Amino acid sequence: QVRLVESGGGLVQPGGSLTLSCVVSGSIFSVYSMGWYRQNPGKQRELVAAITRRGSTEYADSVKGRFTISRDNAKSTVYLQMNSLKAEDTAVYYCNAGQEYNGGYYPSNDNWGQGTQVTVSS
């Protein structure tokens, strides 16, 4: 059974940076396409960034130019580098191990981590 563990969240001032990590175990990481999501209370979970197993990436419009997703198959880890953080980036961030479909990322309903809190505040 695949297990995902996120880390790297915390409190940061507006304009600051954080890097989130998600380590995958229990399965072969390189076959997965990976996504980072975020969610605030009472709101739907939204896709922030994704990277396919082949390395193709996609981003939500709200984070383009500020966030970068990457993966290290040797470490079974996907990263989310977040720069120029804004108050509206505050959320719990989750990673998902999904599939590649039609050249893009397709999420799994089952393969989620426990989340890591990111708070952007002065």
C-alpha atoms as a PDB file:
ATOM      1  CA  GLN A   1       0.000   0.000   0.000  1.00  0.00           C
ATOM      2  CA  VAL A   2       1.406   3.354  -1.013  1.00  0.00           C
ATOM      3  CA  ARG A   3       2.129   5.859   1.776  1.00  0.00           C
ATOM      4  CA  LEU A   4       2.730   9.589   1.310  1.00  0.00           C
ATOM      5  CA  VAL A   5       4.257  11.862   3.966  1.00  0.00           C
ATOM      6  CA  GLU A   6       4.412  15.627   3.477  1.00  0.00           C
ATOM      7  CA  SER A   7       6.756  17.964   5.345  1.00  0.00           C
ATOM      8  CA  GLY A   8       8.170  21.465   5.142  1.00  0.00           C
ATOM      9  CA  GLY A   9       5.172  23.556   6.064  1.00  0.00           C
ATOM     10  CA  GLY A  10       5.265  26.358   8.583  1.00  0.00           C
ATOM     11  CA  LEU A  11       4.782  30.048   9.220  1.00  0.00           C
ATOM     12  CA  VAL A  12       6.358  32.460   6.757  1.00  0.00           C
ATOM     13  CA  GLN A  13       6.058  36.180   6.121  1.00  0.00           C
ATOM     14  CA  PRO A  14       4.533  37.519   2.905  1.00  0.00           C
ATOM     15  CA  GLY A  15       7.147  37.500   0.175  1.00  0.00           C
ATOM     16  CA  GLY A  16       8.983  34.615   1.771  1.00  0.00           C
ATOM     17  CA  SER A  17       9.707  31.113   0.520  1.00  0.00           C
ATOM     18  CA  LEU A  18       9.093  27.537   1.588  1.00  0.00           C
ATOM     19  CA  THR A  19       9.843  24.159   0.065  1.00  0.00           C
ATOM     20  CA  LEU A  20       7.446  21.302   0.683  1.00  0.00           C
ATOM     21  CA  SER A  21       8.478  17.668   0.330  1.00  0.00           C
ATOM     22  CA  CYS A  22       6.393  14.535  -0.123  1.00  0.00           C
ATOM     23  CA  VAL A  23       8.057  11.160   0.319  1.00  0.00           C
ATOM     24  CA  VAL A  24       6.347   8.137  -1.199  1.00  0.00           C
ATOM     25  CA  SER A  25       6.876   4.601   0.093  1.00  0.00           C
ATOM     26  CA  GLY A  26       5.319   1.187  -0.389  1.00  0.00           C
ATOM     27  CA  SER A  27       5.372   1.318  -4.165  1.00  0.00           C
ATOM     28  CA  ILE A  28       7.534   2.273  -7.121  1.00  0.00           C
ATOM     29  CA  PHE A  29       7.594   6.070  -7.087  1.00  0.00           C
ATOM     30  CA  SER A  30       8.672   6.512 -10.700  1.00  0.00           C
ATOM     31  CA  VAL A  31       5.417   5.082 -12.091  1.00  0.00           C
ATOM     32  CA  TYR A  32       3.326   7.799 -10.440  1.00  0.00           C
ATOM     33  CA  SER A  33       2.378  11.197 -11.661  1.00  0.00           C
ATOM     34  CA  MET A  34       2.260  13.501  -8.644  1.00  0.00           C
ATOM     35  CA  GLY A  35       0.105  16.420  -7.641  1.00  0.00           C
ATOM     36  CA  TRP A  36       0.172  19.070  -4.918  1.00  0.00           C
ATOM     37  CA  TYR A  37      -3.182  20.325  -3.676  1.00  0.00           C
ATOM     38  CA  ARG A  38      -4.256  22.809  -1.041  1.00  0.00           C
ATOM     39  CA  GLN A  39      -7.387  23.242   1.011  1.00  0.00           C
ATOM     40  CA  ASN A  40      -8.849  25.717   3.470  1.00  0.00           C
ATOM     41  CA  PRO A  41     -11.737  24.993   5.841  1.00  0.00           C
ATOM     42  CA  GLY A  42     -15.071  24.970   4.068  1.00  0.00           C
ATOM     43  CA  LYS A  43     -13.486  25.072   0.632  1.00  0.00           C
ATOM     44  CA  GLN A  44     -12.790  22.481  -2.005  1.00  0.00           C
ATOM     45  CA  ARG A  45      -9.348  21.005  -2.358  1.00  0.00           C
ATOM     46  CA  GLU A  46      -7.676  22.630  -5.365  1.00  0.00           C
ATOM     47  CA  LEU A  47      -4.838  21.463  -7.570  1.00  0.00           C
ATOM     48  CA  VAL A  48      -1.793  23.705  -7.218  1.00  0.00           C
ATOM     49  CA  ALA A  49       0.779  21.905  -9.362  1.00  0.00           C
ATOM     50  CA  ALA A  50       1.389  18.513 -10.919  1.00  0.00           C
ATOM     51  CA  ILE A  51       4.207  16.629 -12.575  1.00  0.00           C
ATOM     52  CA  THR A  52       3.843  13.503 -14.668  1.00  0.00           C
ATOM     53  CA  ARG A  53       6.128  10.525 -14.448  1.00  0.00           C
ATOM     54  CA  ARG A  54       7.730  11.809 -17.650  1.00  0.00           C
ATOM     55  CA  GLY A  55       8.348  15.264 -16.119  1.00  0.00           C
ATOM     56  CA  SER A  56       5.616  17.348 -17.738  1.00  0.00           C
ATOM     57  CA  THR A  57       4.313  20.008 -15.368  1.00  0.00           C
ATOM     58  CA  GLU A  58       1.154  22.046 -14.917  1.00  0.00           C
ATOM     59  CA  TYR A  59       0.261  24.858 -12.517  1.00  0.00           C
ATOM     60  CA  ALA A  60      -2.787  26.686 -11.265  1.00  0.00           C
ATOM     61  CA  ASP A  61      -2.941  30.213 -12.685  1.00  0.00           C
ATOM     62  CA  SER A  62      -2.705  31.642  -9.177  1.00  0.00           C
ATOM     63  CA  VAL A  63       0.777  30.184  -8.598  1.00  0.00           C
ATOM     64  CA  LYS A  64       2.365  30.337 -12.063  1.00  0.00           C
ATOM     65  CA  GLY A  65       5.742  32.018 -11.929  1.00  0.00           C
ATOM     66  CA  ARG A  66       5.948  31.656  -8.136  1.00  0.00           C
ATOM     67  CA  PHE A  67       5.776  27.887  -7.475  1.00  0.00           C
ATOM     68  CA  THR A  68       7.879  25.122  -8.981  1.00  0.00           C
ATOM     69  CA  ILE A  69       7.148  21.401  -8.768  1.00  0.00           C
ATOM     70  CA  SER A  70       9.942  18.880  -9.194  1.00  0.00           C
ATOM     71  CA  ARG A  71      10.632  15.250  -8.470  1.00  0.00           C
ATOM     72  CA  ASP A  72      13.607  13.092  -7.508  1.00  0.00           C
ATOM     73  CA  ASN A  73      12.873   9.481  -8.418  1.00  0.00           C
ATOM     74  CA  ALA A  74      16.002   8.251  -6.608  1.00  0.00           C
ATOM     75  CA  LYS A  75      14.619   9.706  -3.359  1.00  0.00           C
ATOM     76  CA  SER A  76      10.971   8.854  -4.086  1.00  0.00           C
ATOM     77  CA  THR A  77      10.184  12.499  -3.380  1.00  0.00           C
ATOM     78  CA  VAL A  78       8.219  15.279  -4.999  1.00  0.00           C
ATOM     79  CA  TYR A  79       8.912  18.905  -4.057  1.00  0.00           C
ATOM     80  CA  LEU A  80       7.000  22.149  -4.217  1.00  0.00           C
ATOM     81  CA  GLN A  81       9.211  25.235  -4.140  1.00  0.00           C
ATOM     82  CA  MET A  82       7.058  28.215  -3.179  1.00  0.00           C
ATOM     83  CA  ASN A  83       8.391  31.743  -3.644  1.00  0.00           C
ATOM     84  CA  SER A  84       6.854  35.190  -3.238  1.00  0.00           C
ATOM     85  CA  LEU A  85       4.271  33.758  -0.889  1.00  0.00           C
ATOM     86  CA  LYS A  86       1.032  35.631  -0.312  1.00  0.00           C
ATOM     87  CA  ALA A  87      -1.537  35.486   2.471  1.00  0.00           C
ATOM     88  CA  GLU A  88      -3.907  33.732   0.080  1.00  0.00           C
ATOM     89  CA  ASP A  89      -1.454  30.837  -0.213  1.00  0.00           C
ATOM     90  CA  THR A  90      -2.287  29.921   3.387  1.00  0.00           C
ATOM     91  CA  ALA A  91      -3.767  26.409   3.431  1.00  0.00           C
ATOM     92  CA  VAL A  92      -3.108  22.785   4.249  1.00  0.00           C
ATOM     93  CA  TYR A  93      -1.071  21.334   1.396  1.00  0.00           C
ATOM     94  CA  TYR A  94      -1.500  17.718   0.341  1.00  0.00           C
ATOM     95  CA  CYS A  95       0.281  15.510  -2.159  1.00  0.00           C
ATOM     96  CA  ASN A  96      -1.371  12.883  -4.312  1.00  0.00           C
ATOM     97  CA  ALA A  97       0.103   9.943  -6.196  1.00  0.00           C
ATOM     98  CA  GLY A  98      -1.882   9.603  -9.394  1.00  0.00           C
ATOM     99  CA  GLN A  99      -1.538   8.470 -12.965  1.00  0.00           C
ATOM    100  CA  GLU A 100      -0.517   9.841 -16.306  1.00  0.00           C
ATOM    101  CA  TYR A 101      -3.458  10.119 -18.693  1.00  0.00           C
ATOM    102  CA  ASN A 102      -3.379  11.656 -22.167  1.00  0.00           C
ATOM    103  CA  GLY A 103       0.018  13.113 -21.354  1.00  0.00           C
ATOM    104  CA  GLY A 104      -1.166  14.840 -18.208  1.00  0.00           C
ATOM    105  CA  TYR A 105      -1.695  14.191 -14.522  1.00  0.00           C
ATOM    106  CA  TYR A 106      -4.808  12.362 -13.319  1.00  0.00           C
ATOM    107  CA  PRO A 107      -5.384  12.119  -9.548  1.00  0.00           C
ATOM    108  CA  SER A 108      -6.022   9.034  -7.448  1.00  0.00           C
ATOM    109  CA  ASN A 109      -8.938   8.990  -5.021  1.00  0.00           C
ATOM    110  CA  ASP A 110      -6.964   6.908  -2.550  1.00  0.00           C
ATOM    111  CA  ASN A 111      -3.316   7.981  -2.525  1.00  0.00           C
ATOM    112  CA  TRP A 112      -3.155  11.053  -0.281  1.00  0.00           C
ATOM    113  CA  GLY A 113      -0.792  12.262   2.396  1.00  0.00           C
ATOM    114  CA  GLN A 114      -1.863  13.701   5.740  1.00  0.00           C
ATOM    115  CA  GLY A 115      -1.120  17.291   4.742  1.00  0.00           C
ATOM    116  CA  THR A 116       1.194  20.028   5.970  1.00  0.00           C
ATOM    117  CA  GLN A 117       0.054  23.480   7.103  1.00  0.00           C
ATOM    118  CA  VAL A 118       1.400  26.575   5.364  1.00  0.00           C
ATOM    119  CA  THR A 119       0.604  29.907   6.962  1.00  0.00           C
ATOM    120  CA  VAL A 120       1.624  33.163   5.313  1.00  0.00           C
ATOM    121  CA  SER A 121       1.307  36.035   7.750  1.00  0.00           C
ATOM    122  CA  SER A 122       3.223  38.983   9.105  1.00  0.00           C
END
